[in-house]
Protein backbone atom coordinates (compact mmCIF):
# COMPACT_ATOMS: atom_id res chain seq x y z
CA MET A 1 -5.69 10.53 17.75
CA THR A 2 -7.73 11.83 20.69
CA ASN A 3 -6.26 13.48 23.79
CA SER A 4 -6.35 11.05 26.71
CA LYS A 5 -4.19 7.94 26.59
CA THR A 6 -7.24 5.79 27.34
CA ASP A 7 -9.06 7.22 24.35
CA GLN A 8 -5.93 6.87 22.21
CA ILE A 9 -5.72 3.14 22.95
CA THR A 10 -9.40 2.64 22.12
CA GLU A 11 -9.04 4.54 18.85
CA LEU A 12 -5.84 2.69 17.94
CA LEU A 13 -7.57 -0.67 18.35
CA THR A 14 -10.69 0.32 16.40
CA ARG A 15 -9.93 2.98 13.80
CA GLY A 16 -9.34 1.35 10.43
CA VAL A 17 -9.09 -2.04 12.11
CA GLU A 18 -10.76 -5.20 10.79
CA GLU A 19 -9.64 -7.67 13.45
CA VAL A 20 -7.51 -7.82 16.60
CA ILE A 21 -6.08 -11.10 17.91
CA SER A 22 -6.33 -11.16 20.88
CA ARG A 23 -8.05 -7.84 21.64
CA GLU A 24 -8.47 -8.52 25.36
CA ASP A 25 -4.84 -9.55 25.87
CA LEU A 26 -3.40 -6.69 23.81
CA GLU A 27 -5.57 -4.05 25.43
CA LYS A 28 -4.67 -5.32 28.90
CA LYS A 29 -0.95 -5.07 28.11
CA MET A 30 -1.29 -1.60 26.62
CA ARG A 31 -3.30 -0.27 29.57
CA SER A 32 -0.78 -1.73 32.01
CA GLY A 33 1.90 0.51 30.55
CA GLN A 34 3.95 -2.40 29.16
CA LYS A 35 6.28 -1.34 26.34
CA LEU A 36 5.60 -3.62 23.38
CA ARG A 37 7.58 -4.50 20.26
CA ILE A 38 5.40 -3.69 17.24
CA LYS A 39 6.33 -5.33 13.94
CA LEU A 40 5.53 -4.29 10.38
CA GLY A 41 7.20 -5.80 7.33
CA ILE A 42 6.98 -4.51 3.77
CA ASP A 43 8.40 -6.31 0.72
CA PRO A 44 10.05 -4.04 -1.88
CA THR A 45 8.19 -5.53 -4.85
CA SER A 46 7.85 -2.01 -6.29
CA PRO A 47 9.98 1.14 -5.90
CA ASN A 48 7.00 2.98 -4.39
CA ILE A 49 5.19 2.78 -1.08
CA HIS A 50 1.59 3.73 -1.83
CA LEU A 51 -1.26 4.96 0.35
CA GLY A 52 -2.60 1.42 0.76
CA ARG A 53 0.62 0.59 2.60
CA SER A 54 0.38 3.81 4.59
CA ILE A 55 -2.51 2.28 6.56
CA PRO A 56 -0.33 -0.13 8.60
CA LEU A 57 2.46 2.48 8.70
CA LEU A 58 0.07 4.98 10.29
CA LYS A 59 -0.95 2.32 12.79
CA LEU A 60 2.74 1.74 13.51
CA ARG A 61 3.08 5.45 14.20
CA ASP A 62 0.06 5.33 16.52
CA PHE A 63 1.86 2.70 18.61
CA GLN A 64 5.07 4.73 18.45
CA LEU A 65 3.32 7.86 19.79
CA LEU A 66 2.14 5.79 22.76
CA GLY A 67 5.74 4.91 23.61
CA HIS A 68 6.02 1.42 22.10
CA GLN A 69 9.07 0.13 20.19
CA VAL A 70 8.30 -0.06 16.48
CA VAL A 71 10.22 -2.53 14.33
CA PHE A 72 10.20 -1.89 10.57
CA ILE A 73 11.30 -4.85 8.46
CA ILE A 74 12.22 -4.40 4.81
CA GLY A 75 11.66 -7.79 3.19
CA ASP A 76 14.68 -7.91 0.92
CA PHE A 77 14.60 -11.74 1.17
CA THR A 78 10.84 -12.34 1.24
CA GLY A 79 10.57 -9.87 -1.65
CA LEU A 80 12.67 -12.26 -3.75
CA ILE A 81 10.37 -15.19 -3.04
CA GLY A 82 7.10 -13.33 -3.43
CA ASP A 83 3.86 -13.47 -1.46
CA THR A 84 0.77 -14.51 -3.41
CA SER A 85 -1.67 -14.03 -0.54
CA ASP A 86 -3.70 -11.54 -2.56
CA LYS A 87 -2.98 -12.88 -6.05
CA ASP A 88 -5.03 -15.11 -8.33
CA SER A 89 -1.91 -16.47 -10.02
CA GLU A 90 1.67 -17.29 -9.14
CA ARG A 91 3.88 -14.27 -8.51
CA PRO A 92 7.23 -14.59 -10.30
CA MET A 93 10.46 -14.47 -8.32
CA LEU A 94 12.28 -11.15 -8.45
CA THR A 95 16.01 -10.82 -8.98
CA GLU A 96 18.30 -9.54 -6.23
CA GLU A 97 19.13 -6.56 -8.45
CA THR A 98 15.46 -5.61 -8.82
CA VAL A 99 14.82 -5.86 -5.10
CA LYS A 100 17.92 -3.77 -4.29
CA GLU A 101 16.82 -1.12 -6.77
CA ASN A 102 13.25 -1.09 -5.42
CA LEU A 103 14.24 -0.66 -1.77
CA LYS A 104 16.64 2.26 -2.27
CA THR A 105 14.22 4.89 -0.95
CA TYR A 106 12.01 2.72 1.30
CA ILE A 107 13.38 4.17 4.52
CA ASP A 108 12.98 7.72 3.19
CA GLN A 109 9.42 6.97 2.15
CA ALA A 110 8.46 5.30 5.44
CA SER A 111 10.04 8.18 7.36
CA LYS A 112 7.28 10.42 6.06
CA ILE A 113 5.06 8.57 8.54
CA ILE A 114 7.14 7.03 11.34
CA ASP A 115 10.04 8.46 13.33
CA MET A 116 12.99 6.45 12.08
CA SER A 117 15.32 7.84 14.75
CA SER A 118 13.60 5.73 17.42
CA ALA A 119 12.56 2.80 15.21
CA GLU A 120 14.40 -0.48 14.71
CA ILE A 121 15.07 -1.16 11.04
CA HIS A 122 15.90 -4.64 9.80
CA TYR A 123 16.43 -6.41 6.46
CA ASN A 124 15.18 -9.98 6.75
CA SER A 125 17.90 -11.42 4.49
CA LYS A 126 20.09 -11.06 7.59
CA TRP A 127 18.49 -14.14 9.16
CA LEU A 128 16.47 -15.82 6.40
CA GLY A 129 19.51 -16.10 4.14
CA LYS A 130 21.29 -18.17 6.80
CA LEU A 131 18.63 -20.81 7.44
CA GLY A 132 19.44 -24.35 6.35
CA TYR A 133 17.21 -27.28 5.38
CA MET A 134 17.24 -28.74 8.89
CA GLU A 135 15.83 -25.58 10.50
CA ILE A 136 13.40 -24.93 7.66
CA GLY A 137 12.17 -28.52 7.95
CA ARG A 138 11.62 -28.02 11.67
CA GLN A 139 9.55 -24.91 10.97
CA ALA A 140 7.60 -26.56 8.14
CA ASP A 141 6.63 -29.42 10.45
CA VAL A 142 4.39 -27.00 12.36
CA PHE A 143 2.04 -26.72 9.35
CA SER A 144 0.21 -29.14 7.10
CA ILE A 145 -0.32 -28.93 3.35
CA ASN A 146 -4.04 -28.75 4.07
CA ASP A 147 -3.47 -25.60 6.16
CA PHE A 148 -2.02 -23.95 3.08
CA ILE A 149 -4.33 -25.17 0.32
CA SER A 150 -7.46 -24.41 2.32
CA ARG A 151 -6.76 -20.67 1.96
CA ASP A 152 -9.39 -19.12 -0.28
CA ASN A 153 -7.15 -17.84 -3.07
CA ILE A 154 -5.03 -21.02 -3.16
CA ALA A 155 -8.12 -23.27 -3.15
CA LYS A 156 -9.57 -21.19 -5.99
CA ARG A 157 -6.42 -21.48 -8.07
CA LEU A 158 -6.23 -25.24 -7.51
CA SER A 159 -9.90 -25.68 -8.47
CA GLU A 160 -9.21 -23.75 -11.68
CA GLY A 161 -6.23 -25.97 -12.48
CA LYS A 162 -3.71 -23.17 -11.99
CA ARG A 163 -0.18 -23.85 -10.81
CA VAL A 164 0.72 -23.42 -7.14
CA SER A 165 4.45 -23.65 -6.54
CA LEU A 166 6.14 -25.14 -3.49
CA ARG A 167 7.96 -21.82 -3.18
CA GLU A 168 4.63 -20.18 -2.29
CA VAL A 169 4.17 -22.64 0.57
CA MET A 170 7.40 -21.37 2.11
CA TYR A 171 6.45 -17.70 2.25
CA PRO A 172 4.34 -17.86 5.46
CA LEU A 173 7.23 -19.62 7.20
CA MET A 174 9.57 -16.78 6.33
CA GLN A 175 7.21 -14.01 7.40
CA GLY A 176 6.44 -15.94 10.56
CA TYR A 177 10.13 -16.45 11.35
CA ASP A 178 10.65 -12.69 11.13
CA SER A 179 8.46 -12.44 14.25
CA VAL A 180 10.64 -14.98 16.03
CA GLU A 181 13.86 -13.14 15.18
CA ILE A 182 12.71 -9.75 16.38
CA LYS A 183 10.60 -11.16 19.25
CA ALA A 184 7.44 -9.35 18.16
CA ASP A 185 4.69 -8.67 20.67
CA VAL A 186 2.36 -7.33 17.98
CA GLU A 187 2.30 -7.62 14.20
CA ILE A 188 0.43 -5.18 11.98
CA GLY A 189 -0.81 -6.11 8.51
CA GLY A 190 -3.68 -6.21 6.05
CA THR A 191 -6.45 -8.79 6.04
CA ASP A 192 -4.81 -10.43 3.02
CA GLN A 193 -1.89 -11.28 5.34
CA ARG A 194 -3.99 -13.13 7.92
CA PHE A 195 -2.54 -16.61 7.26
CA ASN A 196 1.06 -15.32 7.21
CA ILE A 197 0.66 -13.34 10.43
CA LEU A 198 -0.98 -16.26 12.22
CA ALA A 199 1.99 -18.38 11.10
CA GLY A 200 4.13 -16.06 13.18
CA ARG A 201 2.18 -17.02 16.30
CA ASP A 202 2.68 -20.72 15.56
CA LEU A 203 6.41 -20.34 15.00
CA GLN A 204 6.84 -18.27 18.13
CA ARG A 205 5.29 -21.14 20.10
CA LEU A 206 7.80 -23.49 18.44
CA TYR A 207 10.65 -21.27 19.66
CA LYS A 208 9.15 -20.96 23.18
CA GLN A 209 8.09 -17.34 22.71
CA GLU A 210 4.74 -15.86 23.70
CA PRO A 211 2.56 -15.62 20.53
CA GLN A 212 2.28 -12.13 19.11
CA ASN A 213 -0.99 -10.24 19.08
CA ILE A 214 -2.27 -9.10 15.72
CA VAL A 215 -3.83 -5.87 14.44
CA MET A 216 -5.26 -6.28 10.94
CA ASN A 217 -6.50 -3.49 8.72
CA PRO A 218 -8.94 -3.76 5.82
CA LEU A 219 -7.61 -3.14 2.32
CA ILE A 220 -8.35 0.08 0.48
CA GLU A 221 -9.49 0.58 -3.09
CA GLY A 222 -7.32 2.39 -5.61
CA LEU A 223 -8.10 4.79 -8.44
CA ASP A 224 -10.04 2.24 -10.48
CA GLY A 225 -12.05 0.71 -7.62
CA ARG A 226 -9.88 -2.40 -7.39
CA LYS A 227 -7.57 -3.04 -4.43
CA MET A 228 -4.78 -0.47 -4.48
CA SER A 229 -1.82 -2.35 -5.93
CA SER A 230 1.33 -1.46 -7.84
CA SER A 231 0.62 -4.32 -10.24
CA TYR A 232 -2.68 -2.66 -11.21
CA GLY A 233 -1.13 0.78 -11.67
CA ASN A 234 -3.97 2.31 -9.61
CA THR A 235 -1.89 3.68 -6.76
CA ILE A 236 -1.31 7.02 -5.08
CA ASN A 237 2.33 6.95 -3.98
CA LEU A 238 3.99 8.69 -1.04
CA PHE A 239 6.62 10.12 -3.39
CA ASP A 240 4.10 11.40 -5.97
CA SER A 241 4.45 15.11 -6.61
CA PRO A 242 1.93 17.31 -4.74
CA ASN A 243 0.01 18.05 -7.95
CA ASP A 244 -0.12 14.39 -8.97
CA MET A 245 -1.12 13.26 -5.49
CA PHE A 246 -3.90 15.83 -5.22
CA GLY A 247 -5.11 15.20 -8.77
CA LYS A 248 -5.28 11.45 -8.20
CA LEU A 249 -7.21 11.92 -4.96
CA MET A 250 -9.75 14.07 -6.79
CA THR A 251 -10.47 11.13 -9.14
CA VAL A 252 -11.24 8.72 -6.31
CA ASN A 253 -14.81 7.38 -6.23
CA ASP A 254 -17.07 9.58 -4.09
CA ASP A 255 -18.09 6.54 -2.04
CA LEU A 256 -14.51 6.26 -0.77
CA ILE A 257 -14.16 9.78 0.64
CA ILE A 258 -15.03 8.88 4.25
CA LYS A 259 -13.05 5.63 4.10
CA TYR A 260 -9.98 7.53 2.86
CA PHE A 261 -10.36 10.15 5.60
CA THR A 262 -10.68 7.45 8.26
CA MET A 263 -7.90 5.11 7.15
CA LEU A 264 -5.40 7.39 5.40
CA THR A 265 -5.44 10.41 7.72
CA ARG A 266 -5.55 11.08 11.42
CA PHE A 267 -8.27 13.70 11.14
CA ASP A 268 -10.47 13.85 14.23
CA LEU A 269 -13.24 11.25 13.88
CA GLU A 270 -15.90 13.75 14.92
CA ILE A 271 -14.89 16.04 12.05
CA ILE A 272 -14.99 13.08 9.65
CA ASP A 273 -18.46 12.18 10.94
CA GLY A 274 -19.48 15.77 10.19
CA TYR A 275 -18.23 15.39 6.60
CA LYS A 276 -20.23 12.16 6.31
CA LYS A 277 -23.41 13.97 7.39
CA GLU A 278 -22.72 16.78 4.92
CA LEU A 279 -22.39 14.24 2.09
CA GLU A 280 -25.60 12.51 3.16
CA GLY A 281 -27.26 15.94 3.25
CA GLY A 282 -26.47 16.56 -0.40
CA VAL A 283 -23.31 18.68 -0.32
CA ASN A 284 -21.21 18.46 -3.50
CA PRO A 285 -18.75 15.56 -2.91
CA ARG A 286 -16.07 17.57 -4.72
CA ASP A 287 -16.03 20.11 -1.89
CA ILE A 288 -15.28 17.41 0.71
CA LYS A 289 -12.85 15.69 -1.63
CA ILE A 290 -10.83 18.90 -1.93
CA LYS A 291 -10.48 18.87 1.86
CA LEU A 292 -9.39 15.22 1.68
CA GLY A 293 -6.82 15.94 -1.03
CA HIS A 294 -5.49 18.96 0.85
CA SER A 295 -5.12 17.01 4.10
CA ILE A 296 -3.24 14.09 2.53
CA VAL A 297 -0.93 16.27 0.42
CA GLU A 298 -0.21 18.33 3.54
CA MET A 299 0.72 15.15 5.44
CA TYR A 300 3.42 14.25 2.92
CA HIS A 301 4.49 17.58 1.41
CA GLY A 302 3.49 20.37 3.81
CA GLU A 303 0.78 23.02 3.93
CA LYS A 304 2.27 25.34 1.29
CA GLU A 305 2.53 22.56 -1.30
CA ALA A 306 -1.02 21.46 -0.48
CA GLU A 307 -2.36 24.98 -1.11
CA THR A 308 -0.46 25.16 -4.40
CA ALA A 309 -1.81 21.75 -5.48
CA VAL A 310 -5.39 22.87 -4.81
CA GLU A 311 -4.82 26.04 -6.85
CA TYR A 312 -3.26 24.06 -9.71
CA PHE A 313 -6.16 21.63 -9.78
CA VAL A 314 -8.80 24.36 -9.77
CA ASN A 315 -7.07 26.27 -12.57
CA THR A 316 -6.39 23.21 -14.69
CA PHE A 317 -9.49 21.11 -14.27
CA THR A 318 -12.25 23.34 -12.94
CA LYS A 319 -11.43 26.32 -15.15
CA LYS A 320 -10.43 23.94 -17.96
CA GLU A 321 -7.04 25.57 -18.44
CA ILE A 322 -4.31 23.52 -20.12
CA PRO A 323 -1.25 23.08 -17.86
CA THR A 324 1.68 25.27 -18.85
CA ASP A 325 4.37 22.97 -17.48
CA ILE A 326 3.70 19.76 -19.41
CA PRO A 327 6.83 17.58 -19.37
CA GLU A 328 8.33 16.53 -22.70
CA PHE A 329 8.85 12.86 -23.47
CA LYS A 330 10.76 11.21 -26.31
CA PRO A 331 9.89 7.50 -26.51
CA ALA A 332 12.02 4.80 -28.09
CA ASP A 333 8.90 3.32 -29.70
CA TYR A 334 5.92 5.48 -30.72
CA ASN A 335 3.31 2.73 -30.50
CA ILE A 336 0.73 3.96 -27.97
CA VAL A 337 1.10 0.91 -25.71
CA ALA A 338 4.89 1.20 -25.74
CA VAL A 339 4.71 4.94 -24.98
CA LEU A 340 2.40 4.37 -22.01
CA ILE A 341 4.70 1.71 -20.55
CA GLU A 342 8.00 3.51 -21.23
CA SER A 343 6.66 6.75 -19.69
CA GLU A 344 5.50 4.72 -16.66
CA LEU A 345 1.92 5.92 -17.03
CA VAL A 346 0.95 2.25 -16.82
CA PRO A 347 2.82 -0.77 -15.40
CA SER A 348 2.07 -3.34 -18.10
CA LYS A 349 0.73 -4.05 -21.60
CA GLY A 350 -2.47 -5.45 -20.11
CA GLU A 351 -3.07 -2.29 -18.10
CA ALA A 352 -2.30 -0.13 -21.15
CA ARG A 353 -4.90 -1.95 -23.23
CA ARG A 354 -7.45 -1.72 -20.42
CA VAL A 355 -7.00 2.06 -20.10
CA LEU A 356 -7.25 2.46 -23.88
CA GLU A 357 -10.42 0.37 -24.09
CA GLN A 358 -12.00 2.43 -21.31
CA GLY A 359 -11.33 5.72 -23.12
CA GLY A 360 -8.73 6.90 -20.64
CA ILE A 361 -6.19 8.11 -23.23
CA LYS A 362 -6.45 11.27 -25.33
CA ILE A 363 -4.19 12.70 -28.01
CA ASP A 364 -4.68 16.47 -28.39
CA GLY A 365 -8.05 16.10 -26.69
CA GLU A 366 -9.30 13.20 -28.84
CA VAL A 367 -9.87 9.76 -27.32
CA VAL A 368 -7.61 7.00 -28.67
CA SER A 369 -8.63 3.38 -28.06
CA ASP A 370 -6.65 1.48 -30.73
CA SER A 371 -3.64 -0.31 -29.20
CA ALA A 372 -1.94 -0.26 -32.62
CA TYR A 373 -2.07 3.54 -32.79
CA THR A 374 1.21 5.32 -33.56
CA VAL A 375 1.68 8.52 -31.57
CA PRO A 376 2.80 11.48 -33.72
CA THR A 377 5.45 13.90 -32.48
CA GLY A 378 4.39 17.32 -31.28
CA VAL A 379 1.11 16.16 -29.71
CA THR A 380 -0.09 16.22 -26.10
CA LEU A 381 -0.86 12.81 -24.65
CA GLN A 382 -3.28 12.80 -21.72
CA LYS A 383 -4.02 9.89 -19.39
CA GLY A 384 -7.09 10.40 -17.26
CA LYS A 385 -7.57 13.88 -15.85
CA ILE A 386 -4.16 14.64 -14.43
CA HIS A 387 -1.33 13.17 -16.54
CA PHE A 388 -0.03 15.12 -19.56
CA LEU A 389 3.01 14.51 -21.77
CA LYS A 390 4.26 16.46 -24.75
CA ILE A 391 5.54 13.83 -27.22
CA ILE A 392 8.69 14.93 -29.05
């Protein structure tokens, strides 16, 4: 962020921001010195918070540094129900055990970005688990079925004859009611959350509260060019080791370098603009990407670990040296798909087959694409450029 408070407010409302509702009202309140309650909720649908989710967390920190009250909601109830705002098919319900396991380190992960000592932390099962049919019916009366089915992804699924459950209709009510409970002045979220966040404004009106303002960020692409998502297995996670984090960042598409700098760091925008001009002038993208990788690893692991990660990458991938500290892995099933899933190199059978078909798996340096392949013991399995396992 820049030095003066005036410049900080301008940057907060523009940097990595797709839409602000209502910009004029929110800016007026911020410039008046009013202390606002800033809400961000994250559902623990995966054990990891990834860099895509760091975008709203960084924005939360920006508000926090300006003296506002940040409210971090862990969606242990909404996580059970599942939000399909960004999905082209129905998301299955999770079990309470899975959600509890997933959220174990969420506060630790988020604390890498925001100051938890001055933040409010809530679990939305505290209030959502108590709502009865009468109150839910009152909330549901604010919306029409047409409001829900007119959403692009829902309309697309219906036109394709895919199932849309009534459970999915309830999700925006729950996220919206979170805003009522914590009396949010501002909610932060991605563009895929637009309908849910707007629902919060409608429910606040129902409960005689002033509607929250909204700061929405664009979504960011992951390692394969698709939206960064745990379900795709294309994420860079806050708890990744320094070497893994740096290595993954070095595989990111060159076209994303400036976007990553802008949205995933708080590097000075003038410096980032300088990097953009260097890239346009023909500088090797790898040189700028090393600076990107170093800056992000330093954010989450410190300067010393960032320097070590750069050195490891250069030795391993630029000088073509084989890593000396390859972890050993003994799978229960030696089928290549099973090995990839059990070792957590991929999240699903579909993703395993996709990586195999694209030539992303090597055994002792040779590409393997057959999903029926049986992995021998004693070999080195490599996924992409940075993941190695010694199969025992």
